[in-house]
Each structure stands twice: as C-alpha cells, then as structure tokens.
Amino acid sequence: MTRASLTLSSKNYSSWSLRGWLLCRMAGLEFEEEMAPLDDPDVRAELLLLAPSMRVPLLTHGDITVWDSLAIAEYLAEVKPKAGILPKDRAERAHCRAISGEVHSGFQNLRSALPMNVKARYEKFKIFTGALPDIERIQGIWDDCFDRYGGPFLFRQPTLADAMFAPVATRFTTYDVTLTEASEAYRAHMMDWALMREWRAAAEAEPDEIEELEVEF
C-alpha cells in the first residue's frame, strides 16, 4: 500500500487544513497526520493571511507531493474516482468546480472579518459591513444548490464543494450569523456531519492559541 501523509497546521484556526483533511477522508485515503508547529513563522503567516501562498495542507502520497486544496481534490478524484469527490454528471461537475473555485480564491472580507476559530462562540456578533456582500453571496450559492439538488449536501452527497465551504459553516457558527432557511439547514447539517464532529473534537483539544486570531471586545 502506498504510504500517505497529510501535513496540517491548527485544527482550530486553519481553514485550509480542514479542507485538505476532509477531502482525504472523503476519498477514503489512509494517511498519517503530521502537524506543523504553530510557532513556525511560515505557519503563523499562513494562518494570519499574510503569506503569498498556502503550503498547508500538504499531501504526500508515495513519491508524489501535492499542495493547495483544489490540487489535492483533483488528485484524489484521479486516484480515488469512485469516492465521489466530484459529481458524476458533467453539468454538476462544472457547477461544483465553479463554486469551489469561487470560495477558494474569494471572500477576502469574510476571511478577515470572521477568522476561523472553531472553539469560540460570539453571540449577536456585529459583522463588519464589508463582509456582508460575501455572506449574501455565499447564502445565494447554498440556497441555489439546495433548490437545484435538494440537499442535504450541496450536491446531494459530499463533494469537493462541501469540503471547500466547511470552514465557512464553522465561521457562521462561531459568529452567530443569521442565515436564510435553506442556508441555515445546510450550516447545521455540516456542523453535525460525522467528519466535522471529529474535526471539532480535535480542535477543542488543542491547547494552543494564536492571540492575533482571537476577537477582542
């Protein structure tokens, strides 16, 4: 069996680590987790959105090394074609890739205003006005998927799109974001998904804190 390892950073703060981990678990890939130290300057720069590119998650599969969550997804779709990382229908695959690419490269105001912090809860959090269009757009994507495909995941069964939007579900939970009925149903379903419960339990167990990512009042 080809040995695989996945390098992650914080399970509490790293949205990119969550995406890579979900994709590997969804694909049924057996892998060892390797945690990058939080006191590494490069790791802190990535978590604080100060790095020019993201090197975590990093998947090593035999002699192949893949980084960037979208690249990992496409690789896993090739080596694990029956796992359903991408929908079978061509039109749905195109839709899935489009919205996954959108969340991968966009929503910068949301990332800055609502940093991922799985352990935290802020009720009635006052959201920075600049992040509201991002929230509206995300709800539009989720509502549209539920209208087209019926849920409970964006394309009925777990796909790349759910892995990409999973950190957003944690952000909406952390900051008590009010959502449309369909978007709230999706958020709740994602947070109750067995893989997400497993990730959250590991995040809760992390002793480390990154002060810059803790919201101050």
N, C-alpha and C. Protein backbone atom coordinates (compact mmCIF):
# COMPACT_ATOMS: atom_id res chain seq x y z
N MET A 1 0.84 -1.20 0.00
CA MET A 1 0.00 0.00 0.00
C MET A 1 0.88 1.25 0.00
N THR A 2 0.52 2.20 -0.85
CA THR A 2 1.29 3.44 -0.94
C THR A 2 1.10 4.28 0.32
N ARG A 3 2.20 4.67 0.94
CA ARG A 3 2.13 5.45 2.17
C ARG A 3 1.69 6.88 1.85
N ALA A 4 0.81 7.41 2.70
CA ALA A 4 0.34 8.78 2.52
C ALA A 4 0.44 9.53 3.84
N SER A 5 0.78 10.80 3.76
CA SER A 5 0.77 11.66 4.94
C SER A 5 0.19 13.01 4.54
N LEU A 6 -0.42 13.67 5.51
CA LEU A 6 -1.03 14.97 5.28
C LEU A 6 -0.53 15.93 6.35
N THR A 7 0.17 16.97 5.91
CA THR A 7 0.68 17.97 6.84
C THR A 7 -0.38 19.04 7.05
N LEU A 8 -0.70 19.29 8.32
CA LEU A 8 -1.72 20.26 8.71
C LEU A 8 -1.10 21.26 9.68
N SER A 9 -1.83 22.35 9.91
CA SER A 9 -1.40 23.25 10.97
C SER A 9 -2.43 23.18 12.09
N SER A 10 -3.07 24.25 12.45
CA SER A 10 -4.03 24.22 13.55
C SER A 10 -5.39 23.69 13.10
N LYS A 11 -5.99 22.83 13.92
CA LYS A 11 -7.35 22.37 13.63
C LYS A 11 -8.38 23.39 14.11
N ASN A 12 -7.97 24.29 14.97
CA ASN A 12 -8.90 25.33 15.43
C ASN A 12 -8.94 26.51 14.47
N TYR A 13 -7.82 26.88 13.91
CA TYR A 13 -7.74 28.12 13.15
C TYR A 13 -7.57 27.95 11.63
N SER A 14 -7.13 26.80 11.18
CA SER A 14 -6.74 26.67 9.77
C SER A 14 -7.85 26.12 8.88
N SER A 15 -8.46 27.00 8.11
CA SER A 15 -9.50 26.59 7.16
C SER A 15 -8.92 25.70 6.06
N TRP A 16 -7.70 25.99 5.65
CA TRP A 16 -7.09 25.21 4.56
C TRP A 16 -6.79 23.79 5.03
N SER A 17 -6.35 23.65 6.27
CA SER A 17 -6.10 22.30 6.80
C SER A 17 -7.38 21.49 6.84
N LEU A 18 -8.47 22.12 7.28
CA LEU A 18 -9.75 21.43 7.33
C LEU A 18 -10.16 20.93 5.95
N ARG A 19 -10.00 21.77 4.95
CA ARG A 19 -10.39 21.36 3.59
C ARG A 19 -9.60 20.15 3.12
N GLY A 20 -8.28 20.19 3.28
CA GLY A 20 -7.45 19.06 2.84
C GLY A 20 -7.77 17.79 3.58
N TRP A 21 -7.99 17.91 4.89
CA TRP A 21 -8.31 16.74 5.72
C TRP A 21 -9.63 16.13 5.31
N LEU A 22 -10.65 16.96 5.12
CA LEU A 22 -11.95 16.45 4.69
C LEU A 22 -11.85 15.72 3.35
N LEU A 23 -11.13 16.30 2.42
CA LEU A 23 -11.01 15.68 1.10
C LEU A 23 -10.36 14.30 1.19
N CYS A 24 -9.31 14.19 1.99
CA CYS A 24 -8.64 12.90 2.13
C CYS A 24 -9.55 11.87 2.81
N ARG A 25 -10.29 12.31 3.82
CA ARG A 25 -11.20 11.39 4.49
C ARG A 25 -12.35 11.01 3.56
N MET A 26 -12.89 11.96 2.82
CA MET A 26 -13.97 11.66 1.89
C MET A 26 -13.53 10.68 0.81
N ALA A 27 -12.26 10.79 0.42
CA ALA A 27 -11.73 9.91 -0.63
C ALA A 27 -11.45 8.51 -0.10
N GLY A 28 -11.46 8.34 1.22
CA GLY A 28 -11.13 7.03 1.79
C GLY A 28 -9.65 6.74 1.77
N LEU A 29 -8.83 7.77 1.69
CA LEU A 29 -7.38 7.60 1.67
C LEU A 29 -6.87 7.38 3.08
N GLU A 30 -6.08 6.34 3.27
CA GLU A 30 -5.45 6.12 4.57
C GLU A 30 -4.19 6.97 4.64
N PHE A 31 -4.11 7.80 5.67
CA PHE A 31 -2.97 8.71 5.75
C PHE A 31 -2.61 8.98 7.20
N GLU A 32 -1.38 9.39 7.42
CA GLU A 32 -0.91 9.83 8.72
C GLU A 32 -0.95 11.35 8.78
N GLU A 33 -1.37 11.87 9.90
CA GLU A 33 -1.37 13.32 10.09
C GLU A 33 -0.01 13.77 10.62
N GLU A 34 0.49 14.84 10.04
CA GLU A 34 1.70 15.47 10.54
C GLU A 34 1.36 16.93 10.82
N MET A 35 1.54 17.36 12.05
CA MET A 35 1.16 18.71 12.45
C MET A 35 2.37 19.64 12.39
N ALA A 36 2.24 20.71 11.62
CA ALA A 36 3.29 21.72 11.57
C ALA A 36 3.24 22.54 12.85
N PRO A 37 4.38 22.89 13.43
CA PRO A 37 4.38 23.64 14.69
C PRO A 37 3.83 25.06 14.52
N LEU A 38 2.97 25.48 15.44
CA LEU A 38 2.36 26.80 15.34
C LEU A 38 3.34 27.94 15.57
N ASP A 39 4.49 27.62 16.18
CA ASP A 39 5.48 28.69 16.38
C ASP A 39 6.40 28.87 15.17
N ASP A 40 6.16 28.09 14.13
CA ASP A 40 6.90 28.27 12.88
C ASP A 40 6.42 29.57 12.22
N PRO A 41 7.32 30.50 11.90
CA PRO A 41 6.90 31.79 11.32
C PRO A 41 6.08 31.65 10.04
N ASP A 42 6.41 30.66 9.21
CA ASP A 42 5.66 30.46 7.96
C ASP A 42 4.23 29.99 8.24
N VAL A 43 4.08 29.13 9.24
CA VAL A 43 2.75 28.64 9.61
C VAL A 43 1.90 29.79 10.14
N ARG A 44 2.48 30.60 11.02
CA ARG A 44 1.74 31.74 11.58
C ARG A 44 1.35 32.73 10.47
N ALA A 45 2.26 32.94 9.53
CA ALA A 45 1.96 33.86 8.42
C ALA A 45 0.78 33.36 7.60
N GLU A 46 0.71 32.05 7.37
CA GLU A 46 -0.41 31.50 6.62
C GLU A 46 -1.71 31.65 7.38
N LEU A 47 -1.70 31.35 8.67
CA LEU A 47 -2.91 31.45 9.47
C LEU A 47 -3.40 32.89 9.59
N LEU A 48 -2.48 33.84 9.56
CA LEU A 48 -2.84 35.25 9.67
C LEU A 48 -3.09 35.88 8.30
N LEU A 49 -3.12 35.05 7.25
CA LEU A 49 -3.38 35.51 5.88
C LEU A 49 -2.33 36.49 5.40
N LEU A 50 -1.09 36.31 5.87
CA LEU A 50 0.00 37.20 5.48
C LEU A 50 0.96 36.54 4.50
N ALA A 51 0.76 35.26 4.22
CA ALA A 51 1.64 34.55 3.30
C ALA A 51 1.13 34.68 1.87
N PRO A 52 2.05 34.78 0.90
CA PRO A 52 1.62 34.92 -0.51
C PRO A 52 0.94 33.67 -1.06
N SER A 53 1.21 32.51 -0.47
CA SER A 53 0.56 31.27 -0.90
C SER A 53 0.49 30.33 0.29
N MET A 54 -0.35 29.30 0.15
CA MET A 54 -0.57 28.37 1.25
C MET A 54 0.15 27.05 0.97
N ARG A 55 0.98 26.62 1.90
CA ARG A 55 1.71 25.36 1.74
C ARG A 55 1.14 24.25 2.62
N VAL A 56 0.13 24.58 3.39
CA VAL A 56 -0.60 23.60 4.21
C VAL A 56 -2.07 23.72 3.81
N PRO A 57 -2.74 22.62 3.50
CA PRO A 57 -2.32 21.23 3.67
C PRO A 57 -1.35 20.77 2.58
N LEU A 58 -0.55 19.80 2.94
CA LEU A 58 0.42 19.21 2.03
C LEU A 58 0.23 17.70 2.05
N LEU A 59 -0.17 17.15 0.92
CA LEU A 59 -0.39 15.71 0.81
C LEU A 59 0.83 15.07 0.16
N THR A 60 1.38 14.06 0.84
CA THR A 60 2.45 13.25 0.28
C THR A 60 1.92 11.84 0.10
N HIS A 61 1.92 11.37 -1.13
CA HIS A 61 1.35 10.05 -1.46
C HIS A 61 2.41 9.30 -2.25
N GLY A 62 3.14 8.42 -1.55
CA GLY A 62 4.28 7.77 -2.20
C GLY A 62 5.33 8.82 -2.53
N ASP A 63 5.73 8.88 -3.79
CA ASP A 63 6.72 9.87 -4.20
C ASP A 63 6.08 11.12 -4.81
N ILE A 64 4.77 11.26 -4.64
CA ILE A 64 4.05 12.42 -5.18
C ILE A 64 3.71 13.37 -4.05
N THR A 65 3.96 14.64 -4.28
CA THR A 65 3.64 15.68 -3.29
C THR A 65 2.68 16.67 -3.93
N VAL A 66 1.57 16.94 -3.23
CA VAL A 66 0.55 17.86 -3.75
C VAL A 66 0.17 18.83 -2.63
N TRP A 67 0.15 20.12 -2.95
CA TRP A 67 -0.35 21.11 -2.00
C TRP A 67 -1.42 21.94 -2.69
N ASP A 68 -2.10 22.77 -1.93
CA ASP A 68 -3.26 23.54 -2.37
C ASP A 68 -4.48 22.62 -2.40
N SER A 69 -5.53 23.07 -1.72
CA SER A 69 -6.70 22.20 -1.53
C SER A 69 -7.36 21.80 -2.85
N LEU A 70 -7.43 22.70 -3.83
CA LEU A 70 -8.04 22.33 -5.10
C LEU A 70 -7.19 21.30 -5.84
N ALA A 71 -5.87 21.47 -5.79
CA ALA A 71 -4.98 20.50 -6.44
C ALA A 71 -5.10 19.14 -5.76
N ILE A 72 -5.20 19.13 -4.44
CA ILE A 72 -5.38 17.87 -3.71
C ILE A 72 -6.70 17.21 -4.13
N ALA A 73 -7.75 18.01 -4.27
CA ALA A 73 -9.05 17.47 -4.67
C ALA A 73 -8.97 16.82 -6.05
N GLU A 74 -8.35 17.50 -7.00
CA GLU A 74 -8.27 16.95 -8.35
C GLU A 74 -7.41 15.69 -8.36
N TYR A 75 -6.35 15.67 -7.57
CA TYR A 75 -5.51 14.48 -7.48
C TYR A 75 -6.30 13.30 -6.91
N LEU A 76 -7.02 13.55 -5.82
CA LEU A 76 -7.80 12.49 -5.20
C LEU A 76 -8.91 11.99 -6.13
N ALA A 77 -9.49 12.89 -6.91
CA ALA A 77 -10.53 12.49 -7.87
C ALA A 77 -9.96 11.54 -8.92
N GLU A 78 -8.66 11.68 -9.21
CA GLU A 78 -8.00 10.79 -10.17
C GLU A 78 -7.67 9.44 -9.54
N VAL A 79 -7.10 9.46 -8.34
CA VAL A 79 -6.64 8.20 -7.74
C VAL A 79 -7.76 7.45 -7.02
N LYS A 80 -8.83 8.17 -6.66
CA LYS A 80 -9.98 7.56 -5.99
C LYS A 80 -11.26 7.96 -6.74
N PRO A 81 -11.41 7.52 -7.99
CA PRO A 81 -12.52 8.01 -8.83
C PRO A 81 -13.90 7.60 -8.32
N LYS A 82 -13.98 6.54 -7.53
CA LYS A 82 -15.28 6.08 -7.04
C LYS A 82 -15.71 6.78 -5.75
N ALA A 83 -14.86 7.64 -5.23
CA ALA A 83 -15.16 8.28 -3.94
C ALA A 83 -16.18 9.40 -4.05
N GLY A 84 -16.40 9.91 -5.25
CA GLY A 84 -17.41 10.95 -5.43
C GLY A 84 -16.95 12.34 -5.04
N ILE A 85 -15.64 12.60 -5.09
CA ILE A 85 -15.14 13.94 -4.80
C ILE A 85 -15.78 14.96 -5.73
N LEU A 86 -16.00 14.57 -6.97
CA LEU A 86 -16.71 15.39 -7.95
C LEU A 86 -17.98 14.66 -8.39
N PRO A 87 -19.06 15.40 -8.65
CA PRO A 87 -20.31 14.75 -9.10
C PRO A 87 -20.13 13.98 -10.40
N LYS A 88 -20.95 12.97 -10.62
CA LYS A 88 -20.86 12.17 -11.84
C LYS A 88 -21.34 12.93 -13.06
N ASP A 89 -22.40 13.72 -12.89
CA ASP A 89 -22.98 14.46 -14.01
C ASP A 89 -22.06 15.59 -14.44
N ARG A 90 -21.83 15.76 -15.74
CA ARG A 90 -20.88 16.76 -16.23
C ARG A 90 -21.29 18.17 -15.87
N ALA A 91 -22.58 18.50 -16.01
CA ALA A 91 -23.05 19.84 -15.67
C ALA A 91 -22.87 20.11 -14.17
N GLU A 92 -23.15 19.10 -13.36
CA GLU A 92 -22.97 19.27 -11.91
C GLU A 92 -21.49 19.39 -11.55
N ARG A 93 -20.63 18.64 -12.26
CA ARG A 93 -19.19 18.77 -12.01
C ARG A 93 -18.73 20.18 -12.30
N ALA A 94 -19.21 20.74 -13.40
CA ALA A 94 -18.82 22.10 -13.75
C ALA A 94 -19.30 23.09 -12.69
N HIS A 95 -20.53 22.91 -12.22
CA HIS A 95 -21.09 23.77 -11.18
C HIS A 95 -20.29 23.63 -9.89
N CYS A 96 -19.97 22.40 -9.53
CA CYS A 96 -19.20 22.13 -8.32
C CYS A 96 -17.83 22.78 -8.38
N ARG A 97 -17.15 22.64 -9.50
CA ARG A 97 -15.83 23.25 -9.66
C ARG A 97 -15.93 24.78 -9.60
N ALA A 98 -16.97 25.34 -10.18
CA ALA A 98 -17.10 26.80 -10.22
C ALA A 98 -17.27 27.39 -8.84
N ILE A 99 -18.17 26.83 -8.04
CA ILE A 99 -18.39 27.41 -6.72
C ILE A 99 -17.23 27.09 -5.77
N SER A 100 -16.57 25.96 -6.01
CA SER A 100 -15.40 25.63 -5.20
C SER A 100 -14.26 26.59 -5.49
N GLY A 101 -14.08 26.90 -6.76
CA GLY A 101 -13.06 27.88 -7.13
C GLY A 101 -13.37 29.25 -6.59
N GLU A 102 -14.65 29.60 -6.53
CA GLU A 102 -15.05 30.91 -6.02
C GLU A 102 -14.69 31.06 -4.54
N VAL A 103 -14.98 30.05 -3.75
CA VAL A 103 -14.66 30.16 -2.32
C VAL A 103 -13.16 30.00 -2.08
N HIS A 104 -12.48 29.30 -2.96
CA HIS A 104 -11.03 29.11 -2.84
C HIS A 104 -10.29 30.42 -3.02
N SER A 105 -10.74 31.24 -3.95
CA SER A 105 -9.99 32.45 -4.30
C SER A 105 -10.63 33.75 -3.82
N GLY A 106 -11.87 33.68 -3.32
CA GLY A 106 -12.58 34.91 -3.00
C GLY A 106 -12.94 35.06 -1.54
N PHE A 107 -13.89 35.97 -1.31
CA PHE A 107 -14.45 36.22 0.03
C PHE A 107 -13.39 36.68 1.03
N GLN A 108 -12.50 37.58 0.57
CA GLN A 108 -11.42 38.05 1.44
C GLN A 108 -11.94 38.83 2.64
N ASN A 109 -12.98 39.62 2.44
CA ASN A 109 -13.52 40.39 3.57
C ASN A 109 -14.08 39.47 4.65
N LEU A 110 -14.73 38.39 4.21
CA LEU A 110 -15.26 37.42 5.18
C LEU A 110 -14.12 36.78 5.96
N ARG A 111 -13.06 36.39 5.27
CA ARG A 111 -11.93 35.75 5.94
C ARG A 111 -11.34 36.67 7.01
N SER A 112 -11.22 37.95 6.67
CA SER A 112 -10.61 38.90 7.60
C SER A 112 -11.53 39.25 8.76
N ALA A 113 -12.82 39.43 8.46
CA ALA A 113 -13.76 39.87 9.50
C ALA A 113 -14.19 38.75 10.42
N LEU A 114 -14.23 37.52 9.91
CA LEU A 114 -14.68 36.37 10.69
C LEU A 114 -13.64 35.26 10.62
N PRO A 115 -12.49 35.44 11.27
CA PRO A 115 -11.44 34.41 11.20
C PRO A 115 -11.92 33.09 11.79
N MET A 116 -11.46 32.00 11.22
CA MET A 116 -11.89 30.69 11.70
C MET A 116 -11.39 30.48 13.12
N ASN A 117 -12.30 30.08 13.99
CA ASN A 117 -11.98 29.78 15.39
C ASN A 117 -13.05 28.82 15.87
N VAL A 118 -12.80 27.54 15.69
CA VAL A 118 -13.81 26.51 15.93
C VAL A 118 -14.28 26.51 17.38
N LYS A 119 -13.37 26.78 18.31
CA LYS A 119 -13.71 26.68 19.74
C LYS A 119 -14.54 27.85 20.24
N ALA A 120 -14.49 28.98 19.57
CA ALA A 120 -15.12 30.20 20.09
C ALA A 120 -16.59 30.28 19.71
N ARG A 121 -17.36 31.04 20.49
CA ARG A 121 -18.75 31.37 20.20
C ARG A 121 -18.99 32.83 20.58
N TYR A 122 -19.46 33.63 19.61
CA TYR A 122 -19.75 35.04 19.84
C TYR A 122 -21.20 35.30 19.43
N GLU A 123 -22.09 35.37 20.40
CA GLU A 123 -23.50 35.60 20.11
C GLU A 123 -23.74 37.05 19.72
N LYS A 124 -24.63 37.23 18.74
CA LYS A 124 -25.00 38.57 18.27
C LYS A 124 -23.77 39.39 17.89
N PHE A 125 -22.85 38.73 17.21
CA PHE A 125 -21.61 39.39 16.80
C PHE A 125 -21.90 40.46 15.75
N LYS A 126 -21.33 41.64 15.93
CA LYS A 126 -21.51 42.73 14.98
C LYS A 126 -20.55 42.54 13.81
N ILE A 127 -21.11 42.27 12.65
CA ILE A 127 -20.29 41.94 11.48
C ILE A 127 -19.89 43.19 10.73
N PHE A 128 -18.63 43.28 10.38
CA PHE A 128 -18.09 44.37 9.57
C PHE A 128 -18.88 44.49 8.27
N THR A 129 -19.31 45.70 7.95
CA THR A 129 -20.17 45.92 6.78
C THR A 129 -19.57 45.36 5.50
N GLY A 130 -18.26 45.45 5.38
CA GLY A 130 -17.61 44.97 4.15
C GLY A 130 -17.74 43.48 3.93
N ALA A 131 -18.04 42.72 4.99
CA ALA A 131 -18.19 41.27 4.85
C ALA A 131 -19.60 40.85 4.45
N LEU A 132 -20.55 41.77 4.57
CA LEU A 132 -21.94 41.39 4.30
C LEU A 132 -22.19 40.93 2.86
N PRO A 133 -21.60 41.58 1.84
CA PRO A 133 -21.80 41.06 0.47
C PRO A 133 -21.27 39.64 0.31
N ASP A 134 -20.17 39.31 0.99
CA ASP A 134 -19.65 37.94 0.92
C ASP A 134 -20.65 36.96 1.52
N ILE A 135 -21.22 37.33 2.66
CA ILE A 135 -22.20 36.46 3.32
C ILE A 135 -23.43 36.28 2.43
N GLU A 136 -23.89 37.35 1.82
CA GLU A 136 -25.05 37.28 0.92
C GLU A 136 -24.76 36.38 -0.28
N ARG A 137 -23.57 36.50 -0.84
CA ARG A 137 -23.21 35.68 -2.00
C ARG A 137 -23.15 34.20 -1.62
N ILE A 138 -22.56 33.90 -0.47
CA ILE A 138 -22.46 32.51 -0.02
C ILE A 138 -23.86 31.93 0.20
N GLN A 139 -24.73 32.70 0.83
CA GLN A 139 -26.10 32.22 1.00
C GLN A 139 -26.77 31.98 -0.34
N GLY A 140 -26.50 32.83 -1.31
CA GLY A 140 -27.05 32.64 -2.64
C GLY A 140 -26.59 31.33 -3.26
N ILE A 141 -25.31 31.01 -3.07
CA ILE A 141 -24.76 29.75 -3.59
C ILE A 141 -25.42 28.56 -2.91
N TRP A 142 -25.48 28.60 -1.59
CA TRP A 142 -26.07 27.49 -0.84
C TRP A 142 -27.55 27.31 -1.16
N ASP A 143 -28.28 28.41 -1.18
CA ASP A 143 -29.72 28.34 -1.48
C ASP A 143 -29.96 27.78 -2.88
N ASP A 144 -29.15 28.22 -3.83
CA ASP A 144 -29.29 27.75 -5.21
C ASP A 144 -29.03 26.25 -5.30
N CYS A 145 -28.00 25.77 -4.61
CA CYS A 145 -27.71 24.33 -4.63
C CYS A 145 -28.84 23.53 -4.00
N PHE A 146 -29.39 24.03 -2.89
CA PHE A 146 -30.50 23.31 -2.26
C PHE A 146 -31.72 23.31 -3.17
N ASP A 147 -31.95 24.41 -3.88
CA ASP A 147 -33.09 24.50 -4.79
C ASP A 147 -32.91 23.53 -5.97
N ARG A 148 -31.69 23.42 -6.48
CA ARG A 148 -31.44 22.56 -7.64
C ARG A 148 -31.37 21.08 -7.28
N TYR A 149 -30.67 20.78 -6.17
CA TYR A 149 -30.32 19.40 -5.90
C TYR A 149 -30.98 18.81 -4.65
N GLY A 150 -31.58 19.64 -3.83
CA GLY A 150 -32.40 19.13 -2.73
C GLY A 150 -31.69 18.82 -1.43
N GLY A 151 -30.34 18.99 -1.36
CA GLY A 151 -29.61 18.74 -0.12
C GLY A 151 -29.47 17.25 0.16
N PRO A 152 -28.98 16.86 1.34
CA PRO A 152 -28.60 17.75 2.45
C PRO A 152 -27.23 18.40 2.26
N PHE A 153 -26.38 17.82 1.35
CA PHE A 153 -25.14 18.46 0.97
C PHE A 153 -25.39 19.30 -0.27
N LEU A 154 -24.41 20.05 -0.70
CA LEU A 154 -24.64 20.98 -1.82
C LEU A 154 -24.99 20.25 -3.11
N PHE A 155 -24.41 19.05 -3.31
CA PHE A 155 -24.73 18.24 -4.49
C PHE A 155 -25.25 16.87 -4.05
N ARG A 156 -26.17 16.93 -3.09
CA ARG A 156 -26.83 15.75 -2.52
C ARG A 156 -25.90 14.94 -1.61
N GLN A 157 -24.79 14.45 -2.16
CA GLN A 157 -23.79 13.69 -1.40
C GLN A 157 -22.53 14.55 -1.21
N PRO A 158 -21.68 14.23 -0.23
CA PRO A 158 -20.48 15.05 0.00
C PRO A 158 -19.57 15.11 -1.22
N THR A 159 -19.17 16.32 -1.58
CA THR A 159 -18.27 16.54 -2.72
C THR A 159 -17.23 17.58 -2.35
N LEU A 160 -16.40 17.90 -3.32
CA LEU A 160 -15.41 18.96 -3.19
C LEU A 160 -16.03 20.24 -2.64
N ALA A 161 -17.20 20.60 -3.11
CA ALA A 161 -17.83 21.86 -2.69
C ALA A 161 -18.07 21.90 -1.19
N ASP A 162 -18.48 20.79 -0.60
CA ASP A 162 -18.72 20.75 0.84
C ASP A 162 -17.41 20.90 1.61
N ALA A 163 -16.35 20.28 1.12
CA ALA A 163 -15.05 20.46 1.77
C ALA A 163 -14.60 21.91 1.71
N MET A 164 -14.86 22.56 0.59
CA MET A 164 -14.43 23.95 0.43
C MET A 164 -15.25 24.90 1.29
N PHE A 165 -16.54 24.62 1.46
CA PHE A 165 -17.39 25.52 2.24
C PHE A 165 -17.47 25.15 3.72
N ALA A 166 -16.88 24.02 4.11
CA ALA A 166 -16.94 23.60 5.52
C ALA A 166 -16.41 24.66 6.48
N PRO A 167 -15.26 25.31 6.19
CA PRO A 167 -14.79 26.35 7.11
C PRO A 167 -15.76 27.52 7.23
N VAL A 168 -16.49 27.80 6.15
CA VAL A 168 -17.49 28.87 6.21
C VAL A 168 -18.60 28.50 7.18
N ALA A 169 -19.00 27.24 7.17
CA ALA A 169 -20.02 26.78 8.12
C ALA A 169 -19.55 26.98 9.56
N THR A 170 -18.26 26.73 9.81
CA THR A 170 -17.74 26.94 11.17
C THR A 170 -17.73 28.43 11.51
N ARG A 171 -17.40 29.27 10.56
CA ARG A 171 -17.39 30.71 10.81
C ARG A 171 -18.80 31.22 11.12
N PHE A 172 -19.78 30.78 10.35
CA PHE A 172 -21.15 31.21 10.58
C PHE A 172 -21.64 30.73 11.95
N THR A 173 -21.15 29.58 12.40
CA THR A 173 -21.50 29.07 13.72
C THR A 173 -20.82 29.90 14.81
N THR A 174 -19.54 30.14 14.66
CA THR A 174 -18.77 30.88 15.65
C THR A 174 -19.33 32.27 15.89
N TYR A 175 -19.70 32.95 14.80
CA TYR A 175 -20.10 34.35 14.90
C TYR A 175 -21.61 34.57 14.84
N ASP A 176 -22.36 33.48 14.99
CA ASP A 176 -23.81 33.57 15.14
C ASP A 176 -24.46 34.35 13.99
N VAL A 177 -24.08 33.98 12.76
CA VAL A 177 -24.57 34.68 11.57
C VAL A 177 -26.00 34.22 11.25
N THR A 178 -26.89 35.16 11.07
CA THR A 178 -28.27 34.85 10.70
C THR A 178 -28.34 34.51 9.22
N LEU A 179 -28.97 33.37 8.89
CA LEU A 179 -28.99 32.87 7.53
C LEU A 179 -30.42 32.61 7.05
N THR A 180 -30.56 32.43 5.75
CA THR A 180 -31.83 32.01 5.20
C THR A 180 -32.15 30.60 5.68
N GLU A 181 -33.38 30.19 5.49
CA GLU A 181 -33.80 28.87 5.98
C GLU A 181 -32.96 27.75 5.38
N ALA A 182 -32.77 27.79 4.06
CA ALA A 182 -32.01 26.73 3.40
C ALA A 182 -30.55 26.76 3.81
N SER A 183 -29.97 27.95 3.89
CA SER A 183 -28.56 28.06 4.28
C SER A 183 -28.34 27.63 5.72
N GLU A 184 -29.29 27.96 6.59
CA GLU A 184 -29.18 27.52 7.98
C GLU A 184 -29.28 26.01 8.08
N ALA A 185 -30.15 25.40 7.28
CA ALA A 185 -30.27 23.94 7.28
C ALA A 185 -28.95 23.31 6.83
N TYR A 186 -28.32 23.91 5.84
CA TYR A 186 -27.03 23.38 5.37
C TYR A 186 -25.95 23.57 6.42
N ARG A 187 -25.88 24.75 7.03
CA ARG A 187 -24.88 25.00 8.07
C ARG A 187 -25.02 23.98 9.20
N ALA A 188 -26.25 23.78 9.66
CA ALA A 188 -26.50 22.85 10.76
C ALA A 188 -26.12 21.42 10.37
N HIS A 189 -26.47 21.03 9.14
CA HIS A 189 -26.14 19.69 8.68
C HIS A 189 -24.63 19.50 8.61
N MET A 190 -23.92 20.49 8.11
CA MET A 190 -22.47 20.39 8.03
C MET A 190 -21.84 20.27 9.41
N MET A 191 -22.30 21.06 10.35
CA MET A 191 -21.71 21.02 11.68
C MET A 191 -22.01 19.72 12.41
N ASP A 192 -23.07 19.02 11.99
CA ASP A 192 -23.44 17.74 12.60
C ASP A 192 -22.89 16.55 11.82
N TRP A 193 -22.26 16.79 10.70
CA TRP A 193 -21.65 15.74 9.88
C TRP A 193 -20.58 15.04 10.72
N ALA A 194 -20.53 13.73 10.65
CA ALA A 194 -19.61 12.96 11.48
C ALA A 194 -18.17 13.41 11.33
N LEU A 195 -17.73 13.70 10.10
CA LEU A 195 -16.36 14.15 9.89
C LEU A 195 -16.11 15.51 10.55
N MET A 196 -17.09 16.38 10.49
CA MET A 196 -16.94 17.68 11.13
C MET A 196 -16.95 17.55 12.65
N ARG A 197 -17.74 16.65 13.18
CA ARG A 197 -17.73 16.43 14.63
C ARG A 197 -16.35 15.93 15.08
N GLU A 198 -15.76 15.06 14.28
CA GLU A 198 -14.43 14.55 14.61
C GLU A 198 -13.40 15.68 14.59
N TRP A 199 -13.46 16.52 13.56
CA TRP A 199 -12.52 17.64 13.46
C TRP A 199 -12.72 18.61 14.63
N ARG A 200 -13.96 18.91 14.95
CA ARG A 200 -14.24 19.85 16.04
C ARG A 200 -13.72 19.32 17.37
N ALA A 201 -13.86 18.03 17.61
CA ALA A 201 -13.35 17.44 18.85
C ALA A 201 -11.84 17.62 18.95
N ALA A 202 -11.15 17.43 17.83
CA ALA A 202 -9.70 17.62 17.82
C ALA A 202 -9.33 19.09 18.03
N ALA A 203 -10.12 19.98 17.45
CA ALA A 203 -9.87 21.41 17.62
C ALA A 203 -10.06 21.82 19.07
N GLU A 204 -11.09 21.28 19.70
CA GLU A 204 -11.35 21.58 21.11
C GLU A 204 -10.19 21.14 22.00
N ALA A 205 -9.49 20.10 21.58
CA ALA A 205 -8.40 19.56 22.39
C ALA A 205 -7.10 20.32 22.21
N GLU A 206 -7.04 21.20 21.24
CA GLU A 206 -5.81 21.96 21.01
C GLU A 206 -5.57 22.96 22.14
N PRO A 207 -4.41 22.93 22.75
CA PRO A 207 -4.14 23.87 23.84
C PRO A 207 -3.65 25.22 23.36
N ASP A 208 -3.14 25.26 22.15
CA ASP A 208 -2.50 26.49 21.68
C ASP A 208 -3.52 27.54 21.26
N GLU A 209 -3.15 28.79 21.43
CA GLU A 209 -3.97 29.90 20.96
C GLU A 209 -3.08 30.87 20.17
N ILE A 210 -3.64 31.42 19.14
CA ILE A 210 -2.95 32.46 18.39
C ILE A 210 -3.64 33.77 18.70
N GLU A 211 -3.00 34.59 19.50
CA GLU A 211 -3.65 35.78 20.05
C GLU A 211 -4.23 36.68 18.97
N GLU A 212 -3.54 36.77 17.85
CA GLU A 212 -3.99 37.67 16.78
C GLU A 212 -5.31 37.23 16.16
N LEU A 213 -5.68 35.96 16.34
CA LEU A 213 -6.91 35.46 15.75
C LEU A 213 -8.04 35.36 16.76
N GLU A 214 -7.80 35.83 17.98
CA GLU A 214 -8.85 35.86 18.99
C GLU A 214 -9.53 37.23 18.95
N VAL A 215 -10.85 37.26 18.69
CA VAL A 215 -11.58 38.52 18.59
C VAL A 215 -11.61 39.20 19.95
N GLU A 216 -11.28 40.49 19.95
CA GLU A 216 -11.30 41.26 21.20
C GLU A 216 -12.53 42.15 21.24
N PHE A 217 -13.07 42.38 22.43
CA PHE A 217 -14.23 43.26 22.62
C PHE A 217 -13.89 44.34 23.62
